[in-house]
PDB file of all heavy atoms in Angstrom:
ATOM      1  N   LEU A   1     -34.440 117.322 -22.750  1.00  0.00           N
ATOM      2  CA  LEU A   1     -34.766 116.026 -23.295  1.00  0.00           C
ATOM      3  C   LEU A   1     -35.282 115.012 -22.162  1.00  0.00           C
ATOM      4  O   LEU A   1     -34.532 114.910 -21.113  1.00  0.00           O
ATOM      5  CB  LEU A   1     -33.468 115.405 -23.839  1.00  0.00           C
ATOM      6  CG  LEU A   1     -32.690 116.143 -24.950  1.00  0.00           C
ATOM      7  CD1 LEU A   1     -31.435 115.499 -25.332  1.00  0.00           C
ATOM      8  CD2 LEU A   1     -33.555 116.605 -26.050  1.00  0.00           C
ATOM      9  N   ILE A   2     -36.432 114.435 -22.302  1.00  0.00           N
ATOM     10  CA  ILE A   2     -36.965 113.646 -21.291  1.00  0.00           C
ATOM     11  C   ILE A   2     -36.718 112.168 -21.563  1.00  0.00           C
ATOM     12  O   ILE A   2     -37.227 111.591 -22.607  1.00  0.00           O
ATOM     13  CB  ILE A   2     -38.464 113.886 -21.278  1.00  0.00           C
ATOM     14  CG1 ILE A   2     -38.756 115.275 -20.756  1.00  0.00           C
ATOM     15  CG2 ILE A   2     -39.190 112.793 -20.223  1.00  0.00           C
ATOM     16  CD1 ILE A   2     -40.237 115.703 -20.717  1.00  0.00           C
ATOM     17  N   GLN A   3     -35.860 111.529 -20.852  1.00  0.00           N
ATOM     18  CA  GLN A   3     -35.278 110.136 -20.888  1.00  0.00           C
ATOM     19  C   GLN A   3     -36.439 109.341 -20.014  1.00  0.00           C
ATOM     20  O   GLN A   3     -36.135 109.108 -18.951  1.00  0.00           O
ATOM     21  CB  GLN A   3     -33.939 109.890 -20.739  1.00  0.00           C
ATOM     22  CG  GLN A   3     -33.453 108.496 -20.889  1.00  0.00           C
ATOM     23  CD  GLN A   3     -32.080 108.388 -20.832  1.00  0.00           C
ATOM     24  OE1 GLN A   3     -31.428 108.835 -21.886  1.00  0.00           O
ATOM     25  NE2 GLN A   3     -31.386 107.852 -19.819  1.00  0.00           N
ATOM     26  N   LEU A   4     -37.475 108.824 -20.699  1.00  0.00           N
ATOM     27  CA  LEU A   4     -38.535 108.358 -19.856  1.00  0.00           C
ATOM     28  C   LEU A   4     -38.443 106.753 -19.754  1.00  0.00           C
ATOM     29  O   LEU A   4     -38.068 106.143 -20.683  1.00  0.00           O
ATOM     30  CB  LEU A   4     -39.893 108.617 -20.699  1.00  0.00           C
ATOM     31  CG  LEU A   4     -41.192 108.118 -19.951  1.00  0.00           C
ATOM     32  CD1 LEU A   4     -41.586 109.158 -18.728  1.00  0.00           C
ATOM     33  CD2 LEU A   4     -42.406 108.321 -20.975  1.00  0.00           C
ATOM     34  N   HIS A   5     -38.676 106.357 -18.538  1.00  0.00           N
ATOM     35  CA  HIS A   5     -38.858 104.920 -18.374  1.00  0.00           C
ATOM     36  C   HIS A   5     -40.296 104.416 -18.877  1.00  0.00           C
ATOM     37  O   HIS A   5     -41.220 104.859 -18.342  1.00  0.00           O
ATOM     38  CB  HIS A   5     -38.740 104.569 -16.874  1.00  0.00           C
ATOM     39  CG  HIS A   5     -38.729 102.958 -16.742  1.00  0.00           C
ATOM     40  ND1 HIS A   5     -39.960 102.302 -16.541  1.00  0.00           N
ATOM     41  CD2 HIS A   5     -37.705 102.176 -16.551  1.00  0.00           C
ATOM     42  CE1 HIS A   5     -39.593 101.018 -16.409  1.00  0.00           C
ATOM     43  NE2 HIS A   5     -38.211 100.944 -16.322  1.00  0.00           N
ATOM     44  N   VAL A   6     -40.278 103.576 -19.915  1.00  0.00           N
ATOM     45  CA  VAL A   6     -41.522 103.289 -20.543  1.00  0.00           C
ATOM     46  C   VAL A   6     -42.033 101.895 -20.029  1.00  0.00           C
ATOM     47  O   VAL A   6     -41.198 100.969 -20.035  1.00  0.00           O
ATOM     48  CB  VAL A   6     -41.255 103.147 -22.107  1.00  0.00           C
ATOM     49  CG1 VAL A   6     -42.532 102.639 -22.834  1.00  0.00           C
ATOM     50  CG2 VAL A   6     -40.850 104.432 -22.607  1.00  0.00           C
ATOM     51  N   SER A   7     -43.406 101.784 -19.738  1.00  0.00           N
ATOM     52  CA  SER A   7     -43.789 100.604 -19.270  1.00  0.00           C
ATOM     53  C   SER A   7     -44.869 100.146 -20.260  1.00  0.00           C
ATOM     54  O   SER A   7     -45.043 100.767 -21.321  1.00  0.00           O
ATOM     55  CB  SER A   7     -44.653 100.902 -17.769  1.00  0.00           C
ATOM     56  OG  SER A   7     -45.868 101.496 -18.110  1.00  0.00           O
ATOM     57  N   ALA A   8     -45.550  99.007 -20.026  1.00  0.00           N
ATOM     58  CA  ALA A   8     -46.568  98.427 -20.907  1.00  0.00           C
ATOM     59  C   ALA A   8     -47.830  99.108 -20.782  1.00  0.00           C
ATOM     60  O   ALA A   8     -48.814  98.811 -21.500  1.00  0.00           O
ATOM     61  CB  ALA A   8     -46.526  96.884 -20.752  1.00  0.00           C
ATOM     62  N   VAL A   9     -48.015 100.118 -19.820  1.00  0.00           N
ATOM     63  CA  VAL A   9     -49.275 100.607 -19.524  1.00  0.00           C
ATOM     64  C   VAL A   9     -49.366 102.043 -20.240  1.00  0.00           C
ATOM     65  O   VAL A   9     -48.733 103.034 -19.656  1.00  0.00           O
ATOM     66  CB  VAL A   9     -49.566 100.742 -17.997  1.00  0.00           C
ATOM     67  CG1 VAL A   9     -51.031 101.404 -17.710  1.00  0.00           C
ATOM     68  CG2 VAL A   9     -49.492  99.363 -17.386  1.00  0.00           C
ATOM     69  N   LYS A  10     -50.081 102.124 -21.214  1.00  0.00           N
ATOM     70  CA  LYS A  10     -50.026 103.397 -22.108  1.00  0.00           C
ATOM     71  C   LYS A  10     -50.480 104.656 -21.147  1.00  0.00           C
ATOM     72  O   LYS A  10     -49.739 105.716 -21.229  1.00  0.00           O
ATOM     73  CB  LYS A  10     -50.977 103.336 -23.108  1.00  0.00           C
ATOM     74  CG  LYS A  10     -51.069 104.485 -24.191  1.00  0.00           C
ATOM     75  CD  LYS A  10     -52.219 104.513 -25.164  1.00  0.00           C
ATOM     76  CE  LYS A  10     -52.021 103.395 -26.080  1.00  0.00           C
ATOM     77  NZ  LYS A  10     -53.031 103.462 -27.285  1.00  0.00           N
ATOM     78  N   SER A  11     -51.448 104.512 -20.299  1.00  0.00           N
ATOM     79  CA  SER A  11     -52.059 105.670 -19.589  1.00  0.00           C
ATOM     80  C   SER A  11     -50.884 106.158 -18.638  1.00  0.00           C
ATOM     81  O   SER A  11     -50.733 107.268 -18.369  1.00  0.00           O
ATOM     82  CB  SER A  11     -53.279 105.295 -18.844  1.00  0.00           C
ATOM     83  OG  SER A  11     -53.066 104.173 -17.965  1.00  0.00           O
ATOM     84  N   ASP A  12     -50.219 105.111 -17.929  1.00  0.00           N
ATOM     85  CA  ASP A  12     -49.048 105.400 -17.070  1.00  0.00           C
ATOM     86  C   ASP A  12     -47.963 106.203 -17.680  1.00  0.00           C
ATOM     87  O   ASP A  12     -47.339 107.339 -17.257  1.00  0.00           O
ATOM     88  CB  ASP A  12     -48.507 104.183 -16.318  1.00  0.00           C
ATOM     89  CG  ASP A  12     -49.518 103.639 -15.335  1.00  0.00           C
ATOM     90  OD1 ASP A  12     -50.567 104.303 -15.065  1.00  0.00           O
ATOM     91  OD2 ASP A  12     -49.315 102.442 -14.816  1.00  0.00           O
ATOM     92  N   ASN A  13     -47.580 105.738 -18.954  1.00  0.00           N
ATOM     93  CA  ASN A  13     -46.534 106.379 -19.639  1.00  0.00           C
ATOM     94  C   ASN A  13     -46.904 107.932 -19.918  1.00  0.00           C
ATOM     95  O   ASN A  13     -46.075 108.808 -19.840  1.00  0.00           O
ATOM     96  CB  ASN A  13     -46.295 105.659 -20.980  1.00  0.00           C
ATOM     97  CG  ASN A  13     -45.710 104.336 -20.735  1.00  0.00           C
ATOM     98  OD1 ASN A  13     -45.060 103.954 -19.769  1.00  0.00           O
ATOM     99  ND2 ASN A  13     -46.034 103.357 -21.613  1.00  0.00           N
ATOM    100  N   LEU A  14     -48.103 107.989 -20.449  1.00  0.00           N
ATOM    101  CA  LEU A  14     -48.599 109.356 -20.925  1.00  0.00           C
ATOM    102  C   LEU A  14     -48.616 110.247 -19.673  1.00  0.00           C
ATOM    103  O   LEU A  14     -48.239 111.483 -19.705  1.00  0.00           O
ATOM    104  CB  LEU A  14     -49.865 109.213 -21.624  1.00  0.00           C
ATOM    105  CG  LEU A  14     -50.493 110.435 -22.266  1.00  0.00           C
ATOM    106  CD1 LEU A  14     -49.508 110.946 -23.346  1.00  0.00           C
ATOM    107  CD2 LEU A  14     -51.817 110.208 -22.893  1.00  0.00           C
ATOM    108  N   GLN A  15     -49.211 109.812 -18.545  1.00  0.00           N
ATOM    109  CA  GLN A  15     -49.216 110.641 -17.331  1.00  0.00           C
ATOM    110  C   GLN A  15     -47.840 111.080 -16.897  1.00  0.00           C
ATOM    111  O   GLN A  15     -47.778 112.190 -16.594  1.00  0.00           O
ATOM    112  CB  GLN A  15     -49.911 109.913 -16.301  1.00  0.00           C
ATOM    113  CG  GLN A  15     -50.291 110.702 -15.057  1.00  0.00           C
ATOM    114  CD  GLN A  15     -50.910 109.982 -14.118  1.00  0.00           C
ATOM    115  OE1 GLN A  15     -51.316 108.764 -14.025  1.00  0.00           O
ATOM    116  NE2 GLN A  15     -51.406 110.669 -12.905  1.00  0.00           N
ATOM    117  N   ARG A  16     -46.942 110.212 -16.866  1.00  0.00           N
ATOM    118  CA  ARG A  16     -45.637 110.479 -16.334  1.00  0.00           C
ATOM    119  C   ARG A  16     -44.862 111.368 -17.262  1.00  0.00           C
ATOM    120  O   ARG A  16     -44.186 112.301 -16.896  1.00  0.00           O
ATOM    121  CB  ARG A  16     -44.893 109.047 -16.083  1.00  0.00           C
ATOM    122  CG  ARG A  16     -43.508 109.382 -15.375  1.00  0.00           C
ATOM    123  CD  ARG A  16     -42.968 108.156 -14.799  1.00  0.00           C
ATOM    124  NE  ARG A  16     -42.514 107.051 -15.855  1.00  0.00           N
ATOM    125  CZ  ARG A  16     -43.354 106.009 -16.154  1.00  0.00           C
ATOM    126  NH1 ARG A  16     -44.420 105.810 -15.506  1.00  0.00           N
ATOM    127  NH2 ARG A  16     -42.809 105.286 -17.129  1.00  0.00           N
ATOM    128  N   ALA A  17     -45.095 111.089 -18.572  1.00  0.00           N
ATOM    129  CA  ALA A  17     -44.485 111.946 -19.607  1.00  0.00           C
ATOM    130  C   ALA A  17     -44.773 113.465 -19.454  1.00  0.00           C
ATOM    131  O   ALA A  17     -44.174 114.354 -19.458  1.00  0.00           O
ATOM    132  CB  ALA A  17     -44.758 111.461 -20.993  1.00  0.00           C
ATOM    133  N   CYS A  18     -46.185 113.615 -19.262  1.00  0.00           N
ATOM    134  CA  CYS A  18     -46.735 115.035 -19.004  1.00  0.00           C
ATOM    135  C   CYS A  18     -46.282 115.628 -17.854  1.00  0.00           C
ATOM    136  O   CYS A  18     -45.892 116.786 -17.879  1.00  0.00           O
ATOM    137  CB  CYS A  18     -48.336 114.877 -19.221  1.00  0.00           C
ATOM    138  SG  CYS A  18     -48.937 114.621 -20.788  1.00  0.00           S
ATOM    139  N   GLY A  19     -46.183 114.805 -16.800  1.00  0.00           N
ATOM    140  CA  GLY A  19     -45.622 115.435 -15.584  1.00  0.00           C
ATOM    141  C   GLY A  19     -44.204 115.868 -15.751  1.00  0.00           C
ATOM    142  O   GLY A  19     -43.756 116.933 -15.215  1.00  0.00           O
ATOM    143  N   LEU A  20     -43.454 115.134 -16.423  1.00  0.00           N
ATOM    144  CA  LEU A  20     -42.045 115.534 -16.619  1.00  0.00           C
ATOM    145  C   LEU A  20     -41.901 116.751 -17.674  1.00  0.00           C
ATOM    146  O   LEU A  20     -40.896 117.527 -17.497  1.00  0.00           O
ATOM    147  CB  LEU A  20     -41.122 114.339 -17.255  1.00  0.00           C
ATOM    148  CG  LEU A  20     -40.863 113.229 -16.234  1.00  0.00           C
ATOM    149  CD1 LEU A  20     -40.328 112.017 -16.827  1.00  0.00           C
ATOM    150  CD2 LEU A  20     -39.998 113.725 -15.000  1.00  0.00           C
ATOM    151  N   VAL A  21     -42.706 116.755 -18.498  1.00  0.00           N
ATOM    152  CA  VAL A  21     -42.962 117.936 -19.431  1.00  0.00           C
ATOM    153  C   VAL A  21     -43.105 119.283 -18.544  1.00  0.00           C
ATOM    154  O   VAL A  21     -42.474 120.339 -18.744  1.00  0.00           O
ATOM    155  CB  VAL A  21     -43.854 117.893 -20.497  1.00  0.00           C
ATOM    156  CG1 VAL A  21     -44.072 119.207 -21.262  1.00  0.00           C
ATOM    157  CG2 VAL A  21     -43.509 116.708 -21.475  1.00  0.00           C
ATOM    158  N   ARG A  22     -44.029 119.145 -17.594  1.00  0.00           N
ATOM    159  CA  ARG A  22     -44.418 120.233 -16.689  1.00  0.00           C
ATOM    160  C   ARG A  22     -43.159 120.684 -15.865  1.00  0.00           C
ATOM    161  O   ARG A  22     -42.839 121.835 -15.731  1.00  0.00           O
ATOM    162  CB  ARG A  22     -45.554 119.971 -15.878  1.00  0.00           C
ATOM    163  CG  ARG A  22     -46.896 119.806 -16.603  1.00  0.00           C
ATOM    164  CD  ARG A  22     -48.071 119.552 -15.692  1.00  0.00           C
ATOM    165  NE  ARG A  22     -49.290 119.325 -16.489  1.00  0.00           N
ATOM    166  CZ  ARG A  22     -49.800 118.113 -16.678  1.00  0.00           C
ATOM    167  NH1 ARG A  22     -49.120 117.111 -16.224  1.00  0.00           N
ATOM    168  NH2 ARG A  22     -51.015 118.060 -17.338  1.00  0.00           N
ATOM    169  N   GLU A  23     -42.451 119.653 -15.408  1.00  0.00           N
ATOM    170  CA  GLU A  23     -41.249 119.874 -14.638  1.00  0.00           C
ATOM    171  C   GLU A  23     -40.158 120.584 -15.499  1.00  0.00           C
ATOM    172  O   GLU A  23     -39.555 121.475 -14.983  1.00  0.00           O
ATOM    173  CB  GLU A  23     -40.731 118.542 -14.175  1.00  0.00           C
ATOM    174  CG  GLU A  23     -39.253 118.605 -13.435  1.00  0.00           C
ATOM    175  CD  GLU A  23     -38.892 117.245 -13.052  1.00  0.00           C
ATOM    176  OE1 GLU A  23     -39.482 116.328 -12.463  1.00  0.00           O
ATOM    177  OE2 GLU A  23     -37.636 117.016 -13.220  1.00  0.00           O
ATOM    178  N   ALA A  24     -39.982 120.154 -16.703  1.00  0.00           N
ATOM    179  CA  ALA A  24     -39.003 120.764 -17.686  1.00  0.00           C
ATOM    180  C   ALA A  24     -39.371 122.284 -17.874  1.00  0.00           C
ATOM    181  O   ALA A  24     -38.493 123.168 -17.844  1.00  0.00           O
ATOM    182  CB  ALA A  24     -38.924 120.062 -18.975  1.00  0.00           C
ATOM    183  N   SER A  25     -40.747 122.487 -18.083  1.00  0.00           N
ATOM    184  CA  SER A  25     -41.095 123.893 -18.327  1.00  0.00           C
ATOM    185  C   SER A  25     -40.848 124.813 -17.150  1.00  0.00           C
ATOM    186  O   SER A  25     -40.447 125.846 -17.204  1.00  0.00           O
ATOM    187  CB  SER A  25     -42.602 123.933 -18.710  1.00  0.00           C
ATOM    188  OG  SER A  25     -43.076 125.125 -18.761  1.00  0.00           O
ATOM    189  N   ALA A  26     -41.177 124.305 -15.939  1.00  0.00           N
ATOM    190  CA  ALA A  26     -40.931 124.885 -14.666  1.00  0.00           C
ATOM    191  C   ALA A  26     -39.505 125.304 -14.421  1.00  0.00           C
ATOM    192  O   ALA A  26     -39.201 126.321 -13.862  1.00  0.00           O
ATOM    193  CB  ALA A  26     -41.413 124.236 -13.532  1.00  0.00           C
ATOM    194  N   LYS A  27     -38.541 124.601 -15.115  1.00  0.00           N
ATOM    195  CA  LYS A  27     -37.142 124.814 -15.051  1.00  0.00           C
ATOM    196  C   LYS A  27     -36.602 125.656 -16.205  1.00  0.00           C
ATOM    197  O   LYS A  27     -35.421 125.721 -16.410  1.00  0.00           O
ATOM    198  CB  LYS A  27     -36.253 123.498 -14.994  1.00  0.00           C
ATOM    199  CG  LYS A  27     -36.545 122.786 -13.536  1.00  0.00           C
ATOM    200  CD  LYS A  27     -35.713 121.560 -13.390  1.00  0.00           C
ATOM    201  CE  LYS A  27     -36.143 120.953 -12.024  1.00  0.00           C
ATOM    202  NZ  LYS A  27     -35.103 119.712 -11.828  1.00  0.00           N
ATOM    203  N   GLY A  28     -37.609 126.191 -16.889  1.00  0.00           N
ATOM    204  CA  GLY A  28     -37.055 127.246 -18.047  1.00  0.00           C
ATOM    205  C   GLY A  28     -37.007 126.717 -19.455  1.00  0.00           C
ATOM    206  O   GLY A  28     -36.524 127.456 -20.258  1.00  0.00           O
ATOM    207  N   ALA A  29     -37.308 125.438 -19.636  1.00  0.00           N
ATOM    208  CA  ALA A  29     -37.139 124.813 -21.002  1.00  0.00           C
ATOM    209  C   ALA A  29     -38.222 125.421 -21.889  1.00  0.00           C
ATOM    210  O   ALA A  29     -39.464 125.519 -21.544  1.00  0.00           O
ATOM    211  CB  ALA A  29     -37.313 123.342 -20.904  1.00  0.00           C
ATOM    212  N   LYS A  30     -37.761 125.871 -23.080  1.00  0.00           N
ATOM    213  CA  LYS A  30     -38.649 126.355 -24.158  1.00  0.00           C
ATOM    214  C   LYS A  30     -38.911 125.376 -25.202  1.00  0.00           C
ATOM    215  O   LYS A  30     -40.094 125.441 -25.826  1.00  0.00           O
ATOM    216  CB  LYS A  30     -38.131 127.670 -24.677  1.00  0.00           C
ATOM    217  CG  LYS A  30     -37.807 128.777 -23.832  1.00  0.00           C
ATOM    218  CD  LYS A  30     -39.029 129.280 -23.022  1.00  0.00           C
ATOM    219  CE  LYS A  30     -38.748 130.292 -22.085  1.00  0.00           C
ATOM    220  NZ  LYS A  30     -39.981 130.735 -21.303  1.00  0.00           N
ATOM    221  N   VAL A  31     -38.105 124.521 -25.248  1.00  0.00           N
ATOM    222  CA  VAL A  31     -38.267 123.287 -26.368  1.00  0.00           C
ATOM    223  C   VAL A  31     -38.087 121.986 -25.559  1.00  0.00           C
ATOM    224  O   VAL A  31     -37.067 121.880 -24.919  1.00  0.00           O
ATOM    225  CB  VAL A  31     -37.395 123.333 -27.464  1.00  0.00           C
ATOM    226  CG1 VAL A  31     -37.506 122.134 -28.461  1.00  0.00           C
ATOM    227  CG2 VAL A  31     -37.513 124.714 -28.252  1.00  0.00           C
ATOM    228  N   VAL A  32     -39.054 120.991 -25.544  1.00  0.00           N
ATOM    229  CA  VAL A  32     -39.056 119.836 -24.751  1.00  0.00           C
ATOM    230  C   VAL A  32     -39.183 118.659 -25.723  1.00  0.00           C
ATOM    231  O   VAL A  32     -40.177 118.757 -26.570  1.00  0.00           O
ATOM    232  CB  VAL A  32     -40.007 119.826 -23.695  1.00  0.00           C
ATOM    233  CG1 VAL A  32     -39.959 118.547 -22.842  1.00  0.00           C
ATOM    234  CG2 VAL A  32     -39.856 121.019 -22.770  1.00  0.00           C
ATOM    235  N   ALA A  33     -38.357 117.608 -25.602  1.00  0.00           N
ATOM    236  CA  ALA A  33     -38.450 116.457 -26.383  1.00  0.00           C
ATOM    237  C   ALA A  33     -38.687 115.129 -25.679  1.00  0.00           C
ATOM    238  O   ALA A  33     -37.945 114.943 -24.749  1.00  0.00           O
ATOM    239  CB  ALA A  33     -37.265 116.342 -27.443  1.00  0.00           C
TER     240      ALA A  33
END
């Protein structure tokens, strides 16, 4: 579960979210929310 800090800049939010998804996958997560 990715508890993201959300800003007013859409592109920043999306970039950081995708980065944390990659981190979660690297740690073995098969389902990411």
